Protein backbone atom coordinates (compact mmCIF):
# COMPACT_ATOMS: atom_id res chain seq x y z
CA ASP A 1 62.46 126.45 70.03
CA LYS A 2 64.55 127.62 72.93
CA GLU A 3 67.97 126.23 73.55
CA TYR A 4 69.19 125.76 77.07
CA LYS A 5 72.83 125.49 77.96
CA THR A 6 73.76 123.02 80.63
CA TRP A 7 76.98 122.47 82.52
CA SER A 8 79.29 120.05 80.89
CA ILE A 9 81.33 118.18 83.48
CA ARG A 10 84.93 117.47 82.66
CA GLU A 11 87.39 115.77 84.95
CA ASP A 12 90.42 117.91 85.64
CA PRO A 13 93.54 115.73 85.73
CA ASN A 14 95.26 118.32 87.89
CA ILE A 15 92.98 117.55 90.82
CA ASN A 16 92.85 113.73 90.78
CA ALA A 17 95.56 111.34 91.95
CA VAL A 18 95.78 107.69 92.85
CA ILE A 19 98.54 106.23 94.97
CA PHE A 20 99.40 102.54 94.76
CA PHE A 21 101.26 101.16 97.76
CA MET A 22 102.65 97.68 97.11
CA THR A 23 104.50 95.37 99.46
CA ASP A 24 105.72 91.83 99.94
CA ILE A 25 103.98 89.77 102.65
CA SER A 26 106.22 86.72 102.48
CA TYR A 27 107.88 85.24 105.56
CA SER A 28 110.97 87.48 105.36
CA MET A 29 108.90 90.64 105.92
CA ASP A 30 109.09 90.98 109.69
CA GLU A 31 107.64 93.65 112.01
CA PRO A 32 110.63 96.06 111.95
CA LYS A 33 110.45 96.16 108.13
CA ARG A 34 106.69 96.72 108.26
CA GLU A 35 107.08 99.62 110.69
CA LEU A 36 109.49 101.38 108.34
CA ILE A 37 107.14 100.78 105.40
CA LYS A 38 104.20 102.16 107.37
CA GLU A 39 106.13 105.34 108.17
CA ILE A 40 107.26 105.87 104.57
CA CYS A 41 103.72 105.35 103.23
CA TRP A 42 102.28 107.76 105.80
CA TYR A 43 104.61 110.56 104.67
CA LEU A 44 104.08 109.85 100.97
CA GLU A 45 100.31 109.89 101.37
CA LYS A 46 100.29 113.15 103.36
CA TRP A 47 102.60 114.90 100.91
CA ILE A 48 100.77 113.87 97.73
CA LYS A 49 97.35 114.69 99.24
CA ARG A 50 98.48 118.32 99.63
CA PHE A 51 98.46 118.76 95.85
CA TYR A 52 95.21 117.12 94.75
CA LYS A 53 91.53 117.55 95.52
CA GLU A 54 90.76 113.84 95.19
CA VAL A 55 93.22 111.08 96.09
CA ASP A 56 92.43 107.39 95.88
CA LEU A 57 94.59 104.95 97.82
CA LYS A 58 95.17 101.42 96.55
CA TYR A 59 96.95 98.75 98.56
CA ILE A 60 98.48 95.66 96.95
CA VAL A 61 100.18 92.82 98.80
CA HIS A 62 101.92 89.85 97.28
CA ASP A 63 103.80 86.69 97.92
CA VAL A 64 103.72 84.58 94.76
CA GLU A 65 100.33 86.10 93.84
CA ALA A 66 99.19 89.70 94.32
CA HIS A 67 95.93 90.83 95.92
CA GLU A 68 94.29 94.18 96.48
CA VAL A 69 93.56 94.69 100.19
CA ASP A 70 92.41 97.44 102.53
CA HIS A 71 94.64 99.75 104.57
CA GLU A 72 94.60 97.58 107.69
CA LYS A 73 95.45 94.33 105.93
CA PHE A 74 98.24 96.04 104.01
CA TYR A 75 100.21 96.50 107.23
CA LYS A 76 99.15 93.30 109.01
CA TYR A 77 98.75 90.61 106.35
CA GLU A 78 101.32 87.80 106.47
CA SER A 79 102.10 84.81 104.31
CA GLY A 80 104.55 81.97 104.53
CA GLY A 81 104.92 81.64 100.76
CA GLY A 82 107.61 82.62 98.32
CA THR A 83 107.98 85.88 96.46
CA ARG A 84 107.13 86.99 92.93
CA ILE A 85 107.32 90.79 92.81
CA SER A 86 106.09 91.03 89.22
CA SER A 87 102.61 89.97 90.36
CA ALA A 88 102.21 93.30 92.22
CA PHE A 89 103.21 95.43 89.22
CA GLU A 90 101.00 93.36 86.95
CA LEU A 91 97.97 93.85 89.22
CA ALA A 92 98.63 97.60 89.53
CA GLY A 93 98.72 97.86 85.74
CA GLU A 94 95.42 95.99 85.45
CA ILE A 95 93.73 98.25 88.01
CA ILE A 96 95.03 101.39 86.28
CA ASP A 97 93.79 100.19 82.89
CA ALA A 98 90.36 99.30 84.29
CA SER A 99 89.70 102.29 86.56
CA TYR A 100 92.09 105.22 86.07
CA PRO A 101 92.07 106.90 82.64
CA LEU A 102 95.42 108.61 82.13
CA ASP A 103 93.83 111.87 81.00
CA GLU A 104 91.92 112.12 84.29
CA TRP A 105 94.35 110.81 86.93
CA ASN A 106 97.88 111.40 88.18
CA ILE A 107 99.28 108.01 89.14
CA TYR A 108 101.91 107.25 91.78
CA CYS A 109 103.23 103.75 92.47
CA PHE A 110 105.41 102.89 95.43
CA TYR A 111 106.81 99.41 95.91
CA LEU A 112 108.37 98.64 99.30
CA SER A 113 109.95 95.35 100.40
CA ASP A 114 113.20 93.73 101.46
CA GLY A 115 113.97 93.16 97.78
CA GLU A 116 114.08 89.38 97.95
CA ASN A 117 112.68 87.93 94.74
CA TRP A 118 113.09 84.94 92.49
CA SER A 119 115.94 86.04 90.24
CA SER A 120 114.07 84.71 87.19
CA ASP A 121 111.29 87.20 88.01
CA ASN A 122 113.46 90.32 88.03
CA ASP A 123 113.46 90.63 84.22
CA VAL A 124 109.67 90.21 84.21
CA CYS A 125 109.46 93.06 86.74
CA ILE A 126 111.51 95.33 84.49
CA GLU A 127 109.05 94.69 81.64
CA HIS A 128 106.12 95.60 83.91
CA LEU A 129 107.94 98.73 85.10
CA LYS A 130 108.54 99.76 81.47
CA ALA A 131 104.81 99.41 80.80
CA LEU A 132 103.93 101.39 83.95
CA GLU A 133 106.34 104.24 83.13
CA SER A 134 104.03 105.68 80.50
CA LYS A 135 101.13 105.67 82.98
CA CYS A 136 102.76 106.94 86.18
CA ASN A 137 104.06 110.27 87.42
CA VAL A 138 106.46 108.48 89.78
CA ILE A 139 107.37 104.86 90.47
CA GLY A 140 109.31 104.53 93.71
CA VAL A 141 111.06 101.24 94.51
CA THR A 142 112.28 101.05 98.10
CA GLU A 143 114.41 98.33 99.61
CA VAL A 144 113.77 98.05 103.35
CA LYS A 145 116.25 96.35 105.71
CA ALA A 146 117.52 94.10 102.96
CA MET A 147 119.75 91.08 103.47
CA LYS A 148 122.34 91.98 100.86
CA ASP A 149 123.04 88.33 99.95
CA TRP A 150 119.39 87.81 99.00
CA ALA A 151 118.12 91.19 97.86
CA GLU A 152 118.68 91.58 94.13
CA PHE A 153 115.56 93.39 93.00
CA VAL A 154 116.67 97.00 93.51
CA LEU A 155 120.03 96.12 91.96
CA SER A 156 118.27 94.85 88.83
CA VAL A 157 116.14 98.03 88.68
CA GLU A 158 119.23 100.23 89.08
CA GLU A 159 121.00 98.28 86.35
CA ALA A 160 118.00 98.86 84.04
CA LEU A 161 118.15 102.58 84.90
CA ASP A 162 121.90 102.71 84.20
CA ASP A 163 121.34 100.96 80.86
CA LYS A 164 118.53 103.44 80.00
CA VAL A 165 116.02 100.60 79.80
CA LEU A 166 113.99 102.46 82.43
CA ASP A 167 113.50 106.23 82.67
CA ASP A 168 115.24 107.72 85.70
CA LYS A 169 112.82 110.65 85.69
CA THR A 170 109.95 108.28 86.52
CA VAL A 171 111.52 105.25 88.24
CA ILE A 172 113.43 106.06 91.41
CA THR A 173 115.05 103.67 93.87
CA GLY A 174 115.83 104.05 97.55
CA THR A 175 117.20 102.06 100.46
CA VAL A 176 116.02 102.26 104.07
CA ASP A 177 117.78 100.38 106.86
CA LYS A 178 116.71 102.60 109.76
CA HIS A 179 114.32 105.46 110.53
CA SER A 180 116.94 108.11 109.84
CA ASP A 181 117.19 106.91 106.19
CA ILE A 182 113.54 107.70 105.48
CA LEU A 183 114.01 111.44 104.92
CA GLU A 184 116.55 110.91 102.13
CA VAL A 185 114.30 108.42 100.35
CA LEU A 186 111.32 110.74 100.65
CA LYS A 187 113.36 113.63 99.21
CA SER A 188 114.34 111.58 96.19
CA TYR A 189 110.71 110.58 95.50
CA LEU A 190 109.14 113.92 96.20
CA THR A 191 111.54 116.20 94.36
CA VAL A 192 110.16 114.71 91.16
CA SER A 193 107.45 117.01 89.81
CA ILE A 194 104.06 116.37 91.42
């Protein structure tokens, strides 16, 4: 009997990446905030795509509930409801577990909003971020044009980083109030090893 060798196909984790873009679509997210988010996401996508052969893009929007949407809806979708940020991180975790084996994919998560959240949900978010840390190369949390009296989410993430509850090599925060702030936020996200 003759034996024939065939190619064995193995996914190379160094060539696959998935980027999750997540944002709030509640009433407080107006057009100027959305424009800044669109610009940040554009730069992040272009930069990460330079390093990988295959890049999947996932878009998640949320008010009280999170939904996966397409690129167009991500920037246009609006809701009049409240805000529960943890729903976005929970959905991202479910999608990763179902579709993106960690030994085959590099995973990047970027959450962008004005940081307004139900304060009771901030601790739930930290738990989801802790679970995502072991799956993601980078988790970027960006506060965009926040009303300081209402925006507590980034503060709670930074407190968890200060207390070593979250890993500052994976979870990074940034604040953008105007276009000129974007470069600094991008630098902080992209200087982490790709």
